[in-house]
Amino acid sequence: MVHSIPDALLRASRNCADRGLAFTPIRQRVLQLLLENPKGLKAYDLLARIKAEQPGATPPTVYRALDFLTENQLAHKIERNATFVACTRDSHIEPGIFLVCPQCGGVTELADAGVLQALCSALADAGHQLDNPEVEIGAICPMCRAA
């Protein structure tokens, strides 16, 4: 489900509070930057933006925030293009499917239980099991298709 940025930040804050987790200002700012950049950002792009606001910020500062956000399913790491994206779903009971455009690098989180069930069923039929909670598929986005 897509949320406005203030709603998504409030949802994340409540999610953390409910679980006794600290949603520190740096974690909040990194999530906000990810929400503002739906195509995703690389860690060093995030660092550059944070350093512009907080000159003393270091790579571990950003990496710790990203680790927290991904571990708590508030963000996802897209391995295909080494970017991070904010989570657009309310919960992750099941794995996420991410469509990554090979032309523009945009990422769309697909929320379709039927597709996921079909994938898991096909894997099971082949004797396999999904080993990662995130599945990435290269798919040309509507904007690139129209261009």
N, C-alpha and C. Protein backbone atom coordinates (compact mmCIF):
# COMPACT_ATOMS: atom_id res chain seq x y z
N MET A 1 0.84 -1.18 0.00
CA MET A 1 0.00 0.00 0.00
C MET A 1 0.88 1.24 0.00
N VAL A 2 0.61 2.18 -0.86
CA VAL A 2 1.38 3.41 -0.95
C VAL A 2 0.82 4.43 0.04
N HIS A 3 1.70 5.07 0.76
CA HIS A 3 1.33 6.07 1.76
C HIS A 3 1.96 7.40 1.39
N SER A 4 1.39 8.50 1.91
CA SER A 4 2.09 9.76 1.78
C SER A 4 3.34 9.66 2.65
N ILE A 5 4.30 10.51 2.40
CA ILE A 5 5.54 10.45 3.17
C ILE A 5 5.28 10.68 4.66
N PRO A 6 4.51 11.71 5.05
CA PRO A 6 4.24 11.86 6.49
C PRO A 6 3.52 10.64 7.08
N ASP A 7 2.57 10.07 6.34
CA ASP A 7 1.86 8.88 6.84
C ASP A 7 2.80 7.70 6.97
N ALA A 8 3.69 7.52 6.00
CA ALA A 8 4.64 6.40 6.04
C ALA A 8 5.60 6.56 7.22
N LEU A 9 6.06 7.78 7.48
CA LEU A 9 6.96 8.01 8.61
C LEU A 9 6.23 7.78 9.94
N LEU A 10 4.99 8.20 10.02
CA LEU A 10 4.19 7.97 11.23
C LEU A 10 3.96 6.47 11.43
N ARG A 11 3.66 5.76 10.36
CA ARG A 11 3.46 4.31 10.43
C ARG A 11 4.74 3.63 10.93
N ALA A 12 5.88 4.05 10.39
CA ALA A 12 7.17 3.48 10.81
C ALA A 12 7.44 3.79 12.28
N SER A 13 7.17 5.01 12.70
CA SER A 13 7.39 5.40 14.08
C SER A 13 6.52 4.55 15.02
N ARG A 14 5.27 4.37 14.67
CA ARG A 14 4.36 3.56 15.50
C ARG A 14 4.79 2.10 15.50
N ASN A 15 5.21 1.61 14.35
CA ASN A 15 5.67 0.23 14.23
C ASN A 15 6.85 0.01 15.17
N CYS A 16 7.79 0.94 15.17
CA CYS A 16 8.97 0.82 16.04
C CYS A 16 8.56 0.91 17.51
N ALA A 17 7.71 1.88 17.85
CA ALA A 17 7.28 2.06 19.23
C ALA A 17 6.57 0.81 19.74
N ASP A 18 5.71 0.23 18.92
CA ASP A 18 4.97 -0.98 19.30
C ASP A 18 5.91 -2.13 19.61
N ARG A 19 7.07 -2.14 18.97
CA ARG A 19 8.03 -3.24 19.17
C ARG A 19 9.19 -2.85 20.08
N GLY A 20 9.10 -1.67 20.68
CA GLY A 20 10.13 -1.23 21.62
C GLY A 20 11.44 -0.87 20.95
N LEU A 21 11.38 -0.45 19.69
CA LEU A 21 12.57 -0.09 18.93
C LEU A 21 12.71 1.42 18.85
N ALA A 22 13.93 1.89 18.83
CA ALA A 22 14.19 3.32 18.75
C ALA A 22 14.20 3.76 17.28
N PHE A 23 13.31 4.65 16.94
CA PHE A 23 13.26 5.23 15.58
C PHE A 23 13.96 6.58 15.67
N THR A 24 15.30 6.52 15.67
CA THR A 24 16.13 7.70 15.91
C THR A 24 15.99 8.70 14.76
N PRO A 25 16.40 9.93 15.00
CA PRO A 25 16.32 10.94 13.93
C PRO A 25 17.06 10.53 12.65
N ILE A 26 18.23 9.89 12.77
CA ILE A 26 18.96 9.49 11.57
C ILE A 26 18.21 8.39 10.83
N ARG A 27 17.63 7.44 11.54
CA ARG A 27 16.83 6.39 10.90
C ARG A 27 15.63 6.99 10.19
N GLN A 28 14.99 7.94 10.87
CA GLN A 28 13.84 8.61 10.28
C GLN A 28 14.24 9.38 9.03
N ARG A 29 15.36 10.08 9.08
CA ARG A 29 15.80 10.87 7.92
C ARG A 29 16.17 9.98 6.75
N VAL A 30 16.85 8.87 7.01
CA VAL A 30 17.20 7.95 5.93
C VAL A 30 15.94 7.38 5.30
N LEU A 31 14.97 6.98 6.13
CA LEU A 31 13.71 6.48 5.57
C LEU A 31 13.00 7.56 4.78
N GLN A 32 13.00 8.78 5.27
CA GLN A 32 12.37 9.88 4.54
C GLN A 32 13.02 10.08 3.17
N LEU A 33 14.35 10.04 3.12
CA LEU A 33 15.05 10.18 1.84
C LEU A 33 14.67 9.05 0.89
N LEU A 34 14.54 7.84 1.41
CA LEU A 34 14.13 6.71 0.57
C LEU A 34 12.70 6.90 0.06
N LEU A 35 11.84 7.39 0.93
CA LEU A 35 10.45 7.65 0.52
C LEU A 35 10.39 8.75 -0.55
N GLU A 36 11.26 9.73 -0.44
CA GLU A 36 11.29 10.83 -1.42
C GLU A 36 11.90 10.40 -2.75
N ASN A 37 12.58 9.26 -2.77
CA ASN A 37 13.26 8.78 -3.98
C ASN A 37 12.81 7.35 -4.27
N PRO A 38 11.62 7.19 -4.84
CA PRO A 38 11.05 5.84 -5.02
C PRO A 38 11.85 4.93 -5.95
N LYS A 39 12.73 5.48 -6.78
CA LYS A 39 13.58 4.62 -7.61
C LYS A 39 14.70 3.99 -6.79
N GLY A 40 14.87 4.47 -5.57
CA GLY A 40 15.89 3.93 -4.69
C GLY A 40 17.15 4.79 -4.70
N LEU A 41 17.94 4.59 -3.68
CA LEU A 41 19.21 5.31 -3.54
C LEU A 41 20.29 4.34 -3.10
N LYS A 42 21.49 4.57 -3.59
CA LYS A 42 22.64 3.80 -3.15
C LYS A 42 23.09 4.38 -1.79
N ALA A 43 23.77 3.57 -1.02
CA ALA A 43 24.20 4.00 0.32
C ALA A 43 25.03 5.28 0.27
N TYR A 44 25.93 5.39 -0.71
CA TYR A 44 26.78 6.58 -0.75
C TYR A 44 26.01 7.81 -1.22
N ASP A 45 24.94 7.62 -1.99
CA ASP A 45 24.07 8.75 -2.33
C ASP A 45 23.35 9.24 -1.07
N LEU A 46 22.91 8.29 -0.26
CA LEU A 46 22.30 8.66 1.01
C LEU A 46 23.29 9.39 1.90
N LEU A 47 24.51 8.88 1.95
CA LEU A 47 25.55 9.52 2.77
C LEU A 47 25.79 10.95 2.32
N ALA A 48 25.87 11.17 1.02
CA ALA A 48 26.10 12.52 0.50
C ALA A 48 24.98 13.46 0.92
N ARG A 49 23.76 12.98 0.87
CA ARG A 49 22.62 13.83 1.27
C ARG A 49 22.62 14.10 2.76
N ILE A 50 22.95 13.08 3.54
CA ILE A 50 23.02 13.27 5.00
C ILE A 50 24.16 14.20 5.36
N LYS A 51 25.33 14.04 4.69
CA LYS A 51 26.49 14.91 4.98
C LYS A 51 26.19 16.37 4.66
N ALA A 52 25.34 16.61 3.68
CA ALA A 52 24.97 17.98 3.35
C ALA A 52 24.23 18.64 4.52
N GLU A 53 23.54 17.81 5.30
CA GLU A 53 22.78 18.32 6.45
C GLU A 53 23.59 18.20 7.75
N GLN A 54 24.39 17.13 7.84
CA GLN A 54 25.19 16.85 9.04
C GLN A 54 26.62 16.53 8.58
N PRO A 55 27.47 17.54 8.44
CA PRO A 55 28.81 17.33 7.88
C PRO A 55 29.64 16.24 8.55
N GLY A 56 29.37 15.92 9.79
CA GLY A 56 30.15 14.91 10.49
C GLY A 56 29.68 13.48 10.25
N ALA A 57 28.65 13.30 9.44
CA ALA A 57 28.13 11.96 9.20
C ALA A 57 29.17 11.10 8.50
N THR A 58 29.21 9.82 8.86
CA THR A 58 30.18 8.88 8.30
C THR A 58 29.44 7.70 7.67
N PRO A 59 30.12 6.93 6.82
CA PRO A 59 29.45 5.77 6.22
C PRO A 59 28.80 4.84 7.24
N PRO A 60 29.46 4.52 8.38
CA PRO A 60 28.78 3.63 9.33
C PRO A 60 27.44 4.18 9.83
N THR A 61 27.34 5.51 9.92
CA THR A 61 26.09 6.12 10.36
C THR A 61 24.95 5.71 9.43
N VAL A 62 25.19 5.84 8.14
CA VAL A 62 24.16 5.51 7.15
C VAL A 62 23.95 4.00 7.09
N TYR A 63 25.02 3.23 7.09
CA TYR A 63 24.88 1.77 7.02
C TYR A 63 24.13 1.21 8.23
N ARG A 64 24.37 1.76 9.41
CA ARG A 64 23.63 1.29 10.60
C ARG A 64 22.14 1.61 10.45
N ALA A 65 21.83 2.80 9.96
CA ALA A 65 20.42 3.16 9.75
C ALA A 65 19.79 2.24 8.71
N LEU A 66 20.50 1.97 7.62
CA LEU A 66 19.98 1.07 6.59
C LEU A 66 19.80 -0.34 7.12
N ASP A 67 20.75 -0.82 7.91
CA ASP A 67 20.62 -2.15 8.53
C ASP A 67 19.36 -2.22 9.38
N PHE A 68 19.15 -1.20 10.20
CA PHE A 68 17.97 -1.16 11.05
C PHE A 68 16.70 -1.18 10.20
N LEU A 69 16.65 -0.34 9.18
CA LEU A 69 15.45 -0.23 8.36
C LEU A 69 15.16 -1.54 7.61
N THR A 70 16.19 -2.18 7.09
CA THR A 70 15.97 -3.43 6.35
C THR A 70 15.64 -4.58 7.31
N GLU A 71 16.31 -4.64 8.45
CA GLU A 71 16.02 -5.71 9.43
C GLU A 71 14.60 -5.62 9.95
N ASN A 72 14.05 -4.42 9.99
CA ASN A 72 12.70 -4.21 10.52
C ASN A 72 11.67 -3.99 9.43
N GLN A 73 12.03 -4.38 8.22
CA GLN A 73 11.14 -4.37 7.05
C GLN A 73 10.50 -3.00 6.78
N LEU A 74 11.29 -1.95 7.03
CA LEU A 74 10.87 -0.60 6.69
C LEU A 74 11.49 -0.17 5.36
N ALA A 75 12.51 -0.92 4.94
CA ALA A 75 13.18 -0.66 3.66
C ALA A 75 13.70 -2.01 3.15
N HIS A 76 14.07 -2.01 1.88
CA HIS A 76 14.58 -3.22 1.25
C HIS A 76 15.85 -2.88 0.47
N LYS A 77 16.78 -3.84 0.45
CA LYS A 77 17.96 -3.69 -0.40
C LYS A 77 17.69 -4.43 -1.69
N ILE A 78 17.84 -3.72 -2.80
CA ILE A 78 17.67 -4.30 -4.12
C ILE A 78 19.06 -4.65 -4.62
N GLU A 79 19.36 -5.93 -4.61
CA GLU A 79 20.70 -6.41 -4.96
C GLU A 79 21.04 -6.12 -6.41
N ARG A 80 20.05 -6.21 -7.28
CA ARG A 80 20.26 -6.06 -8.72
C ARG A 80 20.97 -4.76 -9.07
N ASN A 81 20.64 -3.68 -8.38
CA ASN A 81 21.29 -2.40 -8.69
C ASN A 81 21.88 -1.73 -7.44
N ALA A 82 22.03 -2.50 -6.36
CA ALA A 82 22.67 -2.03 -5.12
C ALA A 82 22.04 -0.76 -4.57
N THR A 83 20.71 -0.72 -4.61
CA THR A 83 20.00 0.42 -4.07
C THR A 83 19.12 -0.02 -2.91
N PHE A 84 18.67 0.97 -2.17
CA PHE A 84 17.73 0.74 -1.08
C PHE A 84 16.44 1.48 -1.42
N VAL A 85 15.30 0.86 -1.12
CA VAL A 85 14.00 1.47 -1.34
C VAL A 85 13.18 1.35 -0.06
N ALA A 86 12.31 2.32 0.14
CA ALA A 86 11.40 2.25 1.29
C ALA A 86 10.36 1.18 1.02
N CYS A 87 9.93 0.50 2.06
CA CYS A 87 8.88 -0.49 1.94
C CYS A 87 7.55 0.22 1.71
N THR A 88 6.76 -0.29 0.78
CA THR A 88 5.47 0.33 0.48
C THR A 88 4.30 -0.48 1.02
N ARG A 89 4.60 -1.57 1.72
CA ARG A 89 3.53 -2.42 2.25
C ARG A 89 3.43 -2.27 3.76
N ASP A 90 2.24 -2.57 4.27
CA ASP A 90 2.02 -2.46 5.71
C ASP A 90 2.66 -3.59 6.50
N SER A 91 2.80 -4.77 5.87
CA SER A 91 3.42 -5.89 6.57
C SER A 91 4.03 -6.84 5.56
N HIS A 92 4.92 -7.66 6.05
CA HIS A 92 5.58 -8.64 5.19
C HIS A 92 5.41 -10.02 5.78
N ILE A 93 4.21 -10.53 5.72
CA ILE A 93 3.96 -11.89 6.17
C ILE A 93 4.58 -12.84 5.15
N GLU A 94 4.60 -12.42 3.91
CA GLU A 94 5.16 -13.23 2.83
C GLU A 94 6.27 -12.45 2.14
N PRO A 95 7.08 -13.13 1.32
CA PRO A 95 8.17 -12.43 0.62
C PRO A 95 7.65 -11.30 -0.27
N GLY A 96 8.53 -10.38 -0.59
CA GLY A 96 8.19 -9.28 -1.49
C GLY A 96 8.73 -9.58 -2.88
N ILE A 97 7.99 -9.12 -3.87
CA ILE A 97 8.43 -9.24 -5.26
C ILE A 97 8.71 -7.83 -5.75
N PHE A 98 9.92 -7.62 -6.26
CA PHE A 98 10.33 -6.30 -6.71
C PHE A 98 10.60 -6.32 -8.20
N LEU A 99 9.98 -5.42 -8.92
CA LEU A 99 10.18 -5.26 -10.35
C LEU A 99 11.20 -4.15 -10.53
N VAL A 100 12.34 -4.49 -11.14
CA VAL A 100 13.43 -3.53 -11.30
C VAL A 100 13.58 -3.24 -12.78
N CYS A 101 13.37 -1.98 -13.16
CA CYS A 101 13.47 -1.59 -14.57
C CYS A 101 14.95 -1.52 -14.97
N PRO A 102 15.33 -2.30 -15.99
CA PRO A 102 16.74 -2.28 -16.42
C PRO A 102 17.13 -0.99 -17.15
N GLN A 103 16.15 -0.20 -17.54
CA GLN A 103 16.45 1.04 -18.28
C GLN A 103 16.63 2.23 -17.35
N CYS A 104 15.68 2.44 -16.44
CA CYS A 104 15.77 3.62 -15.57
C CYS A 104 16.18 3.28 -14.14
N GLY A 105 16.17 2.00 -13.80
CA GLY A 105 16.55 1.58 -12.46
C GLY A 105 15.43 1.69 -11.44
N GLY A 106 14.24 2.11 -11.89
CA GLY A 106 13.11 2.23 -10.98
C GLY A 106 12.72 0.90 -10.38
N VAL A 107 12.19 0.94 -9.17
CA VAL A 107 11.79 -0.27 -8.45
C VAL A 107 10.33 -0.15 -8.05
N THR A 108 9.57 -1.20 -8.33
CA THR A 108 8.17 -1.26 -7.92
C THR A 108 8.00 -2.51 -7.07
N GLU A 109 7.40 -2.35 -5.90
CA GLU A 109 7.11 -3.51 -5.05
C GLU A 109 5.74 -4.04 -5.45
N LEU A 110 5.72 -5.26 -5.93
CA LEU A 110 4.49 -5.88 -6.41
C LEU A 110 3.78 -6.57 -5.26
N ALA A 111 2.56 -6.17 -5.01
CA ALA A 111 1.75 -6.78 -3.95
C ALA A 111 0.67 -7.62 -4.61
N ASP A 112 1.03 -8.84 -4.98
CA ASP A 112 0.09 -9.73 -5.64
C ASP A 112 0.27 -11.13 -5.06
N ALA A 113 -0.60 -11.50 -4.13
CA ALA A 113 -0.49 -12.79 -3.46
C ALA A 113 -0.56 -13.95 -4.44
N GLY A 114 -1.34 -13.81 -5.50
CA GLY A 114 -1.47 -14.88 -6.48
C GLY A 114 -0.17 -15.18 -7.19
N VAL A 115 0.56 -14.13 -7.55
CA VAL A 115 1.86 -14.31 -8.21
C VAL A 115 2.82 -15.01 -7.26
N LEU A 116 2.84 -14.58 -6.02
CA LEU A 116 3.74 -15.16 -5.04
C LEU A 116 3.38 -16.63 -4.78
N GLN A 117 2.09 -16.92 -4.66
CA GLN A 117 1.68 -18.31 -4.44
C GLN A 117 2.07 -19.18 -5.63
N ALA A 118 1.88 -18.67 -6.84
CA ALA A 118 2.25 -19.43 -8.03
C ALA A 118 3.75 -19.68 -8.07
N LEU A 119 4.54 -18.68 -7.73
CA LEU A 119 5.99 -18.83 -7.70
C LEU A 119 6.41 -19.88 -6.68
N CYS A 120 5.90 -19.76 -5.46
CA CYS A 120 6.26 -20.72 -4.40
C CYS A 120 5.81 -22.13 -4.76
N SER A 121 4.65 -22.25 -5.38
CA SER A 121 4.16 -23.56 -5.81
C SER A 121 5.06 -24.16 -6.88
N ALA A 122 5.45 -23.34 -7.86
CA ALA A 122 6.34 -23.82 -8.92
C ALA A 122 7.70 -24.22 -8.35
N LEU A 123 8.20 -23.46 -7.39
CA LEU A 123 9.46 -23.81 -6.75
C LEU A 123 9.34 -25.14 -6.02
N ALA A 124 8.25 -25.31 -5.28
CA ALA A 124 8.04 -26.56 -4.54
C ALA A 124 7.92 -27.74 -5.50
N ASP A 125 7.22 -27.56 -6.62
CA ASP A 125 7.09 -28.62 -7.62
C ASP A 125 8.46 -29.02 -8.17
N ALA A 126 9.38 -28.07 -8.22
CA ALA A 126 10.72 -28.35 -8.72
C ALA A 126 11.66 -28.83 -7.61
N GLY A 127 11.10 -28.96 -6.39
CA GLY A 127 11.90 -29.42 -5.27
C GLY A 127 12.71 -28.33 -4.60
N HIS A 128 12.37 -27.09 -4.86
CA HIS A 128 13.11 -25.96 -4.30
C HIS A 128 12.26 -25.19 -3.31
N GLN A 129 12.94 -24.34 -2.55
CA GLN A 129 12.28 -23.46 -1.60
C GLN A 129 12.91 -22.09 -1.71
N LEU A 130 12.11 -21.07 -1.64
CA LEU A 130 12.61 -19.70 -1.70
C LEU A 130 13.56 -19.47 -0.52
N ASP A 131 14.75 -18.95 -0.79
CA ASP A 131 15.73 -18.74 0.28
C ASP A 131 15.88 -17.29 0.68
N ASN A 132 15.22 -16.40 -0.01
CA ASN A 132 15.37 -14.98 0.26
C ASN A 132 13.97 -14.38 0.34
N PRO A 133 13.70 -13.52 1.31
CA PRO A 133 12.36 -12.95 1.42
C PRO A 133 12.06 -11.89 0.35
N GLU A 134 13.01 -11.66 -0.54
CA GLU A 134 12.82 -10.66 -1.58
C GLU A 134 13.21 -11.25 -2.93
N VAL A 135 12.28 -11.18 -3.86
CA VAL A 135 12.49 -11.69 -5.21
C VAL A 135 12.57 -10.49 -6.14
N GLU A 136 13.62 -10.44 -6.94
CA GLU A 136 13.82 -9.33 -7.87
C GLU A 136 13.64 -9.83 -9.29
N ILE A 137 12.85 -9.09 -10.07
CA ILE A 137 12.59 -9.45 -11.46
C ILE A 137 12.87 -8.23 -12.33
N GLY A 138 13.65 -8.41 -13.37
CA GLY A 138 13.88 -7.33 -14.32
C GLY A 138 12.62 -7.15 -15.16
N ALA A 139 12.07 -5.95 -15.18
CA ALA A 139 10.84 -5.68 -15.93
C ALA A 139 10.83 -4.21 -16.33
N ILE A 140 10.63 -3.94 -17.61
CA ILE A 140 10.61 -2.56 -18.10
C ILE A 140 9.36 -1.86 -17.57
N CYS A 141 9.57 -0.72 -16.94
CA CYS A 141 8.46 0.02 -16.31
C CYS A 141 7.59 0.69 -17.37
N PRO A 142 6.37 1.08 -16.99
CA PRO A 142 5.47 1.71 -17.95
C PRO A 142 6.03 2.98 -18.60
N MET A 143 6.77 3.80 -17.82
CA MET A 143 7.32 5.02 -18.39
C MET A 143 8.37 4.73 -19.46
N CYS A 144 9.23 3.75 -19.21
CA CYS A 144 10.25 3.39 -20.19
C CYS A 144 9.63 2.70 -21.40
N ARG A 145 8.60 1.92 -21.17
CA ARG A 145 7.91 1.27 -22.29
C ARG A 145 7.27 2.30 -23.21
N ALA A 146 6.75 3.37 -22.62
CA ALA A 146 6.06 4.40 -23.39
C ALA A 146 7.04 5.30 -24.16
N ALA A 147 8.29 5.33 -23.68
CA ALA A 147 9.28 6.23 -24.30
C ALA A 147 9.80 5.67 -25.62
